Amino acid sequence: MFKALTLFLLLVSSGLQAQPSLHTDLPLNYLAQVDGQAGNRPLVIFLHGSGSNEQDLFELKDELPRDYNYLSVRAPKSMEQDRYQWFAKKGEGAYDGDASDLKASGQVLLDFIDKARVKYSTDASKVYLVGFSQGAMMSYEVALRHPEAVGGIAAMGGRVLSVLRAELTPDESRRALAIFIGHGTADPIIPYHDGTEANTFLKTLALEPEFHAYLGLGHSISAQEVQDLRAWLERLNP
């Protein structure tokens, strides 16, 4: 339902090319662009939003550092043909998620990360979750509960869900997490203040997010945000 890529990115990726193969050997189905000969390459794992699928964010890889490996996963809960979600939205008002869905999806994503890290010979400190909308929320869910599993996250157009916020306290084990937050000021689905509140909340946990506001951007990803994301990833592994 929420396509992340703007017209700019769609044009970038619109050339005639073969569809990537869907991999089914790990706990979640996924697409991959990897260099199997290079050991301990940084690994980006894309997490799409509600109502989308593993193809939605995958083309971002073409605008990001070339010396990374890239996976794009399919959320585990099917909605209808080619549309998936990480969790069911709970109630009205501020965007929140069903606790049982969050727990189940968080566990399968954590399992996926662990097995992907082994398969692609990557240290946990070099694994980065890049999520949009629900994918951003799942990035927070997994990284803040299990900081040992990843080196950092990029949360675009997302929020820290209330069930997670209520259960977190400052913990030294999270201090090493690198965090990128990007949010459009005109987002009608996940309002801009959800992004600024996430930034403020993470600072109470002694984290230091890199926050980017995108003037006039709705519930999508702009070309400027992709450039900022690329620069962030390059700084993590110069």
C-alpha atoms as a PDB file:
ATOM      1  CA  MET A   1       0.000   0.000   0.000  1.00  0.00           C
ATOM      2  CA  PHE A   2       2.823   2.403   0.783  1.00  0.00           C
ATOM      3  CA  LYS A   3       5.334   2.433  -2.071  1.00  0.00           C
ATOM      4  CA  ALA A   4       8.572   3.886  -0.833  1.00  0.00           C
ATOM      5  CA  LEU A   5      10.303   4.838  -4.047  1.00  0.00           C
ATOM      6  CA  THR A   6       9.776   8.260  -5.556  1.00  0.00           C
ATOM      7  CA  LEU A   7       9.550   8.937  -9.279  1.00  0.00           C
ATOM      8  CA  PHE A   8      13.272   9.729  -9.291  1.00  0.00           C
ATOM      9  CA  LEU A   9      14.186   6.289  -8.036  1.00  0.00           C
ATOM     10  CA  LEU A  10      11.703   4.573 -10.309  1.00  0.00           C
ATOM     11  CA  LEU A  11      13.311   6.260 -13.291  1.00  0.00           C
ATOM     12  CA  VAL A  12      16.772   5.289 -12.098  1.00  0.00           C
ATOM     13  CA  SER A  13      15.778   1.638 -12.005  1.00  0.00           C
ATOM     14  CA  SER A  14      13.499   1.506 -15.047  1.00  0.00           C
ATOM     15  CA  GLY A  15      15.975  -0.011 -17.508  1.00  0.00           C
ATOM     16  CA  LEU A  16      15.271  -3.386 -19.049  1.00  0.00           C
ATOM     17  CA  GLN A  17      16.843  -5.974 -16.763  1.00  0.00           C
ATOM     18  CA  ALA A  18      16.122  -9.457 -15.536  1.00  0.00           C
ATOM     19  CA  GLN A  19      14.139  -9.801 -12.357  1.00  0.00           C
ATOM     20  CA  PRO A  20      16.352 -10.900  -9.452  1.00  0.00           C
ATOM     21  CA  SER A  21      15.825 -14.405  -8.140  1.00  0.00           C
ATOM     22  CA  LEU A  22      13.900 -14.917  -4.918  1.00  0.00           C
ATOM     23  CA  HIS A  23      15.967 -16.791  -2.314  1.00  0.00           C
ATOM     24  CA  THR A  24      14.141 -19.111   0.076  1.00  0.00           C
ATOM     25  CA  ASP A  25      16.971 -20.719   2.060  1.00  0.00           C
ATOM     26  CA  LEU A  26      16.731 -18.432   5.132  1.00  0.00           C
ATOM     27  CA  PRO A  27      13.824 -17.833   7.559  1.00  0.00           C
ATOM     28  CA  LEU A  28      12.470 -14.998   5.352  1.00  0.00           C
ATOM     29  CA  ASN A  29      12.330 -14.927   1.561  1.00  0.00           C
ATOM     30  CA  TYR A  30      14.699 -12.342   0.099  1.00  0.00           C
ATOM     31  CA  LEU A  31      16.484 -10.847  -2.880  1.00  0.00           C
ATOM     32  CA  ALA A  32      20.261 -10.548  -2.870  1.00  0.00           C
ATOM     33  CA  GLN A  33      23.093  -8.663  -4.495  1.00  0.00           C
ATOM     34  CA  VAL A  34      26.281  -9.960  -2.929  1.00  0.00           C
ATOM     35  CA  ASP A  35      29.919 -10.589  -3.667  1.00  0.00           C
ATOM     36  CA  GLY A  36      30.415 -14.125  -2.447  1.00  0.00           C
ATOM     37  CA  GLN A  37      34.180 -13.909  -2.862  1.00  0.00           C
ATOM     38  CA  ALA A  38      34.731 -10.951  -0.513  1.00  0.00           C
ATOM     39  CA  GLY A  39      34.707 -11.771   3.195  1.00  0.00           C
ATOM     40  CA  ASN A  40      33.216  -9.579   5.928  1.00  0.00           C
ATOM     41  CA  ARG A  41      31.667  -7.044   3.578  1.00  0.00           C
ATOM     42  CA  PRO A  42      29.187  -4.709   5.278  1.00  0.00           C
ATOM     43  CA  LEU A  43      25.658  -6.084   4.870  1.00  0.00           C
ATOM     44  CA  VAL A  44      22.533  -3.959   4.359  1.00  0.00           C
ATOM     45  CA  ILE A  45      19.153  -5.625   4.925  1.00  0.00           C
ATOM     46  CA  PHE A  46      16.181  -3.720   3.469  1.00  0.00           C
ATOM     47  CA  LEU A  47      12.827  -3.945   5.302  1.00  0.00           C
ATOM     48  CA  HIS A  48       9.818  -2.797   3.285  1.00  0.00           C
ATOM     49  CA  GLY A  49       6.628  -1.153   4.521  1.00  0.00           C
ATOM     50  CA  SER A  50       3.106  -2.478   4.960  1.00  0.00           C
ATOM     51  CA  GLY A  51       1.377  -3.652   1.807  1.00  0.00           C
ATOM     52  CA  SER A  52       4.580  -3.932  -0.194  1.00  0.00           C
ATOM     53  CA  ASN A  53       7.162  -6.651  -0.794  1.00  0.00           C
ATOM     54  CA  GLU A  54      10.863  -7.379  -1.112  1.00  0.00           C
ATOM     55  CA  GLN A  55      11.166  -5.634  -4.486  1.00  0.00           C
ATOM     56  CA  ASP A  56      10.130  -2.224  -3.167  1.00  0.00           C
ATOM     57  CA  LEU A  57      13.431  -1.053  -1.659  1.00  0.00           C
ATOM     58  CA  PHE A  58      15.833  -3.320  -3.505  1.00  0.00           C
ATOM     59  CA  GLU A  59      16.705  -0.825  -6.254  1.00  0.00           C
ATOM     60  CA  LEU A  60      18.079   1.543  -3.625  1.00  0.00           C
ATOM     61  CA  LYS A  61      21.205  -0.608  -3.721  1.00  0.00           C
ATOM     62  CA  ASP A  62      22.161   0.974  -7.043  1.00  0.00           C
ATOM     63  CA  GLU A  63      22.512   4.358  -5.329  1.00  0.00           C
ATOM     64  CA  LEU A  64      24.351   3.111  -2.243  1.00  0.00           C
ATOM     65  CA  PRO A  65      27.995   2.072  -1.662  1.00  0.00           C
ATOM     66  CA  ARG A  66      29.186  -0.561  -4.104  1.00  0.00           C
ATOM     67  CA  ASP A  67      31.401  -2.363  -1.607  1.00  0.00           C
ATOM     68  CA  TYR A  68      28.406  -3.508   0.486  1.00  0.00           C
ATOM     69  CA  ASN A  69      26.279  -6.632   0.184  1.00  0.00           C
ATOM     70  CA  TYR A  70      22.520  -6.079  -0.059  1.00  0.00           C
ATOM     71  CA  LEU A  71      19.534  -8.229   0.899  1.00  0.00           C
ATOM     72  CA  SER A  72      15.881  -7.232   0.680  1.00  0.00           C
ATOM     73  CA  VAL A  73      13.463  -9.345   2.701  1.00  0.00           C
ATOM     74  CA  ARG A  74       9.760 -10.121   2.437  1.00  0.00           C
ATOM     75  CA  ALA A  75       7.714  -9.547   5.587  1.00  0.00           C
ATOM     76  CA  PRO A  76       6.178 -12.760   6.969  1.00  0.00           C
ATOM     77  CA  LYS A  77       2.484 -11.801   7.097  1.00  0.00           C
ATOM     78  CA  SER A  78       0.603 -12.068   3.795  1.00  0.00           C
ATOM     79  CA  MET A  79      -2.156  -9.538   3.079  1.00  0.00           C
ATOM     80  CA  GLU A  80      -3.034 -10.453  -0.505  1.00  0.00           C
ATOM     81  CA  GLN A  81      -1.128 -11.283  -3.678  1.00  0.00           C
ATOM     82  CA  ASP A  82       2.349  -9.701  -3.607  1.00  0.00           C
ATOM     83  CA  ARG A  83       1.501  -7.620  -0.537  1.00  0.00           C
ATOM     84  CA  TYR A  84       2.928  -8.318   2.922  1.00  0.00           C
ATOM     85  CA  GLN A  85       3.226  -6.737   6.334  1.00  0.00           C
ATOM     86  CA  TRP A  86       5.289  -7.160   9.483  1.00  0.00           C
ATOM     87  CA  PHE A  87       2.387  -6.687  11.866  1.00  0.00           C
ATOM     88  CA  ALA A  88      -1.274  -5.762  11.947  1.00  0.00           C
ATOM     89  CA  LYS A  89      -2.002  -2.175  12.888  1.00  0.00           C
ATOM     90  CA  LYS A  90      -3.744  -1.929  16.254  1.00  0.00           C
ATOM     91  CA  GLY A  91      -6.623   0.448  16.896  1.00  0.00           C
ATOM     92  CA  GLU A  92      -7.076   4.025  15.732  1.00  0.00           C
ATOM     93  CA  GLY A  93      -5.014   7.129  16.354  1.00  0.00           C
ATOM     94  CA  ALA A  94      -1.220   6.952  16.539  1.00  0.00           C
ATOM     95  CA  TYR A  95       0.261   4.110  14.501  1.00  0.00           C
ATOM     96  CA  ASP A  96       0.748   1.093  16.736  1.00  0.00           C
ATOM     97  CA  GLY A  97       1.153  -2.634  16.253  1.00  0.00           C
ATOM     98  CA  ASP A  98      -0.282  -5.876  17.570  1.00  0.00           C
ATOM     99  CA  ALA A  99       2.091  -7.089  20.297  1.00  0.00           C
ATOM    100  CA  SER A 100       1.931 -10.759  19.306  1.00  0.00           C
ATOM    101  CA  ASP A 101       2.701  -9.909  15.669  1.00  0.00           C
ATOM    102  CA  LEU A 102       5.628  -7.750  16.742  1.00  0.00           C
ATOM    103  CA  LYS A 103       7.055 -10.501  18.901  1.00  0.00           C
ATOM    104  CA  ALA A 104       6.695 -13.147  16.174  1.00  0.00           C
ATOM    105  CA  SER A 105       8.040 -10.972  13.354  1.00  0.00           C
ATOM    106  CA  GLY A 106      10.840  -9.667  15.543  1.00  0.00           C
ATOM    107  CA  GLN A 107      11.957 -13.200  16.346  1.00  0.00           C
ATOM    108  CA  VAL A 108      11.913 -14.410  12.730  1.00  0.00           C
ATOM    109  CA  LEU A 109      13.759 -11.272  11.603  1.00  0.00           C
ATOM    110  CA  LEU A 110      16.359 -11.770  14.323  1.00  0.00           C
ATOM    111  CA  ASP A 111      16.784 -15.375  13.182  1.00  0.00           C
ATOM    112  CA  PHE A 112      17.112 -14.212   9.580  1.00  0.00           C
ATOM    113  CA  ILE A 113      19.797 -11.675  10.516  1.00  0.00           C
ATOM    114  CA  ASP A 114      21.802 -14.290  12.404  1.00  0.00           C
ATOM    115  CA  LYS A 115      21.689 -16.822   9.585  1.00  0.00           C
ATOM    116  CA  ALA A 116      22.362 -14.221   6.884  1.00  0.00           C
ATOM    117  CA  ARG A 117      25.369 -12.964   8.819  1.00  0.00           C
ATOM    118  CA  VAL A 118      26.781 -16.476   8.897  1.00  0.00           C
ATOM    119  CA  LYS A 119      25.972 -17.207   5.256  1.00  0.00           C
ATOM    120  CA  TYR A 120      27.595 -13.998   4.017  1.00  0.00           C
ATOM    121  CA  SER A 121      30.495 -14.031   6.517  1.00  0.00           C
ATOM    122  CA  THR A 122      29.685 -10.680   8.099  1.00  0.00           C
ATOM    123  CA  ASP A 123      30.395  -9.498  11.636  1.00  0.00           C
ATOM    124  CA  ALA A 124      27.282  -8.340  13.485  1.00  0.00           C
ATOM    125  CA  SER A 125      28.848  -4.871  13.818  1.00  0.00           C
ATOM    126  CA  LYS A 126      28.699  -4.535  10.021  1.00  0.00           C
ATOM    127  CA  VAL A 127      25.029  -5.474   9.600  1.00  0.00           C
ATOM    128  CA  TYR A 128      22.672  -2.536   8.957  1.00  0.00           C
ATOM    129  CA  LEU A 129      18.887  -2.615   8.795  1.00  0.00           C
ATOM    130  CA  VAL A 130      17.428  -0.072   6.363  1.00  0.00           C
ATOM    131  CA  GLY A 131      13.677   0.151   6.838  1.00  0.00           C
ATOM    132  CA  PHE A 132      10.803   2.257   5.527  1.00  0.00           C
ATOM    133  CA  SER A 133       7.503   2.779   7.415  1.00  0.00           C
ATOM    134  CA  GLN A 134       6.697  -0.578   9.092  1.00  0.00           C
ATOM    135  CA  GLY A 135      10.180  -1.679   8.078  1.00  0.00           C
ATOM    136  CA  ALA A 136      11.599   1.266  10.043  1.00  0.00           C
ATOM    137  CA  MET A 137       9.490   0.263  13.038  1.00  0.00           C
ATOM    138  CA  MET A 138      10.826  -3.278  12.830  1.00  0.00           C
ATOM    139  CA  SER A 139      14.361  -1.908  12.621  1.00  0.00           C
ATOM    140  CA  TYR A 140      13.794  -0.144  15.934  1.00  0.00           C
ATOM    141  CA  GLU A 141      12.094  -3.231  17.382  1.00  0.00           C
ATOM    142  CA  VAL A 142      14.986  -5.587  16.652  1.00  0.00           C
ATOM    143  CA  ALA A 143      17.974  -3.267  17.112  1.00  0.00           C
ATOM    144  CA  LEU A 144      16.857  -1.692  20.381  1.00  0.00           C
ATOM    145  CA  ARG A 145      15.910  -5.034  21.930  1.00  0.00           C
ATOM    146  CA  HIS A 146      18.905  -6.922  20.511  1.00  0.00           C
ATOM    147  CA  PRO A 147      21.714  -4.407  19.899  1.00  0.00           C
ATOM    148  CA  GLU A 148      24.244  -7.199  19.686  1.00  0.00           C
ATOM    149  CA  ALA A 149      22.633  -8.379  16.415  1.00  0.00           C
ATOM    150  CA  VAL A 150      23.405  -5.332  14.248  1.00  0.00           C
ATOM    151  CA  GLY A 151      25.767  -2.424  13.886  1.00  0.00           C
ATOM    152  CA  GLY A 152      23.100   0.134  13.097  1.00  0.00           C
ATOM    153  CA  ILE A 153      19.774   1.023  11.508  1.00  0.00           C
ATOM    154  CA  ALA A 154      18.337   3.544   9.095  1.00  0.00           C
ATOM    155  CA  ALA A 155      14.695   4.306   9.939  1.00  0.00           C
ATOM    156  CA  MET A 156      12.853   6.214   7.217  1.00  0.00           C
ATOM    157  CA  GLY A 157       9.270   7.376   7.663  1.00  0.00           C
ATOM    158  CA  GLY A 158       8.817   5.333  10.854  1.00  0.00           C
ATOM    159  CA  ARG A 159       8.290   5.619  14.586  1.00  0.00           C
ATOM    160  CA  VAL A 160       9.207   3.859  17.827  1.00  0.00           C
ATOM    161  CA  LEU A 161       6.076   1.913  18.730  1.00  0.00           C
ATOM    162  CA  SER A 162       4.570   2.460  22.172  1.00  0.00           C
ATOM    163  CA  VAL A 163       4.977  -1.163  23.290  1.00  0.00           C
ATOM    164  CA  LEU A 164       8.714  -0.936  22.611  1.00  0.00           C
ATOM    165  CA  ARG A 165       9.113   2.513  24.120  1.00  0.00           C
ATOM    166  CA  ALA A 166       7.467   1.379  27.359  1.00  0.00           C
ATOM    167  CA  GLU A 167       9.872  -1.523  27.818  1.00  0.00           C
ATOM    168  CA  LEU A 168      13.212   0.184  27.183  1.00  0.00           C
ATOM    169  CA  THR A 169      15.604   1.755  29.646  1.00  0.00           C
ATOM    170  CA  PRO A 170      19.171   3.030  29.077  1.00  0.00           C
ATOM    171  CA  ASP A 171      21.582   0.164  28.500  1.00  0.00           C
ATOM    172  CA  GLU A 172      25.281   0.371  27.758  1.00  0.00           C
ATOM    173  CA  SER A 173      24.972  -2.442  25.200  1.00  0.00           C
ATOM    174  CA  ARG A 174      23.126  -0.064  22.848  1.00  0.00           C
ATOM    175  CA  ARG A 175      25.738   2.684  22.894  1.00  0.00           C
ATOM    176  CA  ALA A 176      27.531   1.346  19.826  1.00  0.00           C
ATOM    177  CA  LEU A 177      24.420   1.430  17.598  1.00  0.00           C
ATOM    178  CA  ALA A 178      24.634   3.804  14.636  1.00  0.00           C
ATOM    179  CA  ILE A 179      21.215   5.297  13.830  1.00  0.00           C
ATOM    180  CA  PHE A 180      20.007   7.291  10.818  1.00  0.00           C
ATOM    181  CA  ILE A 181      16.505   8.795  10.953  1.00  0.00           C
ATOM    182  CA  GLY A 182      14.870  10.375   7.910  1.00  0.00           C
ATOM    183  CA  HIS A 183      11.353  11.809   7.825  1.00  0.00           C
ATOM    184  CA  GLY A 184       9.293  13.962   5.481  1.00  0.00           C
ATOM    185  CA  THR A 185       7.708  17.042   7.027  1.00  0.00           C
ATOM    186  CA  ALA A 186       4.509  16.446   5.020  1.00  0.00           C
ATOM    187  CA  ASP A 187       4.094  12.729   5.783  1.00  0.00           C
ATOM    188  CA  PRO A 188       0.318  12.064   6.107  1.00  0.00           C
ATOM    189  CA  ILE A 189       0.690   8.411   7.212  1.00  0.00           C
ATOM    190  CA  ILE A 190       3.409   8.528   9.863  1.00  0.00           C
ATOM    191  CA  PRO A 191       3.447  12.209  10.883  1.00  0.00           C
ATOM    192  CA  TYR A 192       6.710  14.123  11.035  1.00  0.00           C
ATOM    193  CA  HIS A 193       6.474  14.476  14.816  1.00  0.00           C
ATOM    194  CA  ASP A 194       6.756  10.672  15.077  1.00  0.00           C
ATOM    195  CA  GLY A 195      10.205  11.003  13.589  1.00  0.00           C
ATOM    196  CA  THR A 196      11.251  13.849  15.875  1.00  0.00           C
ATOM    197  CA  GLU A 197       9.843  11.997  18.910  1.00  0.00           C
ATOM    198  CA  ALA A 198      11.876   8.914  17.970  1.00  0.00           C
ATOM    199  CA  ASN A 199      14.975  11.092  17.791  1.00  0.00           C
ATOM    200  CA  THR A 200      14.261  12.624  21.208  1.00  0.00           C
ATOM    201  CA  PHE A 201      13.442   9.263  22.792  1.00  0.00           C
ATOM    202  CA  LEU A 202      16.610   7.621  21.513  1.00  0.00           C
ATOM    203  CA  LYS A 203      18.652  10.406  23.067  1.00  0.00           C
ATOM    204  CA  THR A 204      17.136   9.508  26.447  1.00  0.00           C
ATOM    205  CA  LEU A 205      18.659   6.057  25.910  1.00  0.00           C
ATOM    206  CA  ALA A 206      22.098   7.683  25.506  1.00  0.00           C
ATOM    207  CA  LEU A 207      22.061   7.121  21.742  1.00  0.00           C
ATOM    208  CA  GLU A 208      23.132   9.708  19.163  1.00  0.00           C
ATOM    209  CA  PRO A 209      20.883   9.466  16.080  1.00  0.00           C
ATOM    210  CA  GLU A 210      21.675  11.323  12.874  1.00  0.00           C
ATOM    211  CA  PHE A 211      18.349  13.034  12.119  1.00  0.00           C
ATOM    212  CA  HIS A 212      17.311  14.389   8.706  1.00  0.00           C
ATOM    213  CA  ALA A 213      14.121  16.329   7.962  1.00  0.00           C
ATOM    214  CA  TYR A 214      12.928  16.532   4.332  1.00  0.00           C
ATOM    215  CA  LEU A 215      10.849  19.626   3.689  1.00  0.00           C
ATOM    216  CA  GLY A 216       7.555  18.928   1.916  1.00  0.00           C
ATOM    217  CA  LEU A 217       8.197  15.193   1.538  1.00  0.00           C
ATOM    218  CA  GLY A 218       5.249  12.863   2.114  1.00  0.00           C
ATOM    219  CA  HIS A 219       5.309   9.147   2.940  1.00  0.00           C
ATOM    220  CA  SER A 220       8.133   8.278   0.581  1.00  0.00           C
ATOM    221  CA  ILE A 221      11.891   8.434   0.096  1.00  0.00           C
ATOM    222  CA  SER A 222      13.448  11.331  -1.792  1.00  0.00           C
ATOM    223  CA  ALA A 223      16.615  11.491  -3.869  1.00  0.00           C
ATOM    224  CA  GLN A 224      18.204  13.687  -1.204  1.00  0.00           C
ATOM    225  CA  GLU A 225      17.413  11.126   1.484  1.00  0.00           C
ATOM    226  CA  VAL A 226      19.112   8.419  -0.555  1.00  0.00           C
ATOM    227  CA  GLN A 227      22.192  10.629  -0.908  1.00  0.00           C
ATOM    228  CA  ASP A 228      22.216  11.224   2.850  1.00  0.00           C
ATOM    229  CA  LEU A 229      21.801   7.505   3.495  1.00  0.00           C
ATOM    230  CA  ARG A 230      24.705   6.724   1.184  1.00  0.00           C
ATOM    231  CA  ALA A 231      26.926   9.247   2.963  1.00  0.00           C
ATOM    232  CA  TRP A 232      25.966   7.753   6.344  1.00  0.00           C
ATOM    233  CA  LEU A 233      26.848   4.231   5.222  1.00  0.00           C
ATOM    234  CA  GLU A 234      30.137   5.415   3.763  1.00  0.00           C
ATOM    235  CA  ARG A 235      31.093   7.066   7.059  1.00  0.00           C
ATOM    236  CA  LEU A 236      30.393   3.833   8.937  1.00  0.00           C
ATOM    237  CA  ASN A 237      32.867   1.901   6.793  1.00  0.00           C
ATOM    238  CA  PRO A 238      35.351   4.373   5.276  1.00  0.00           C
END
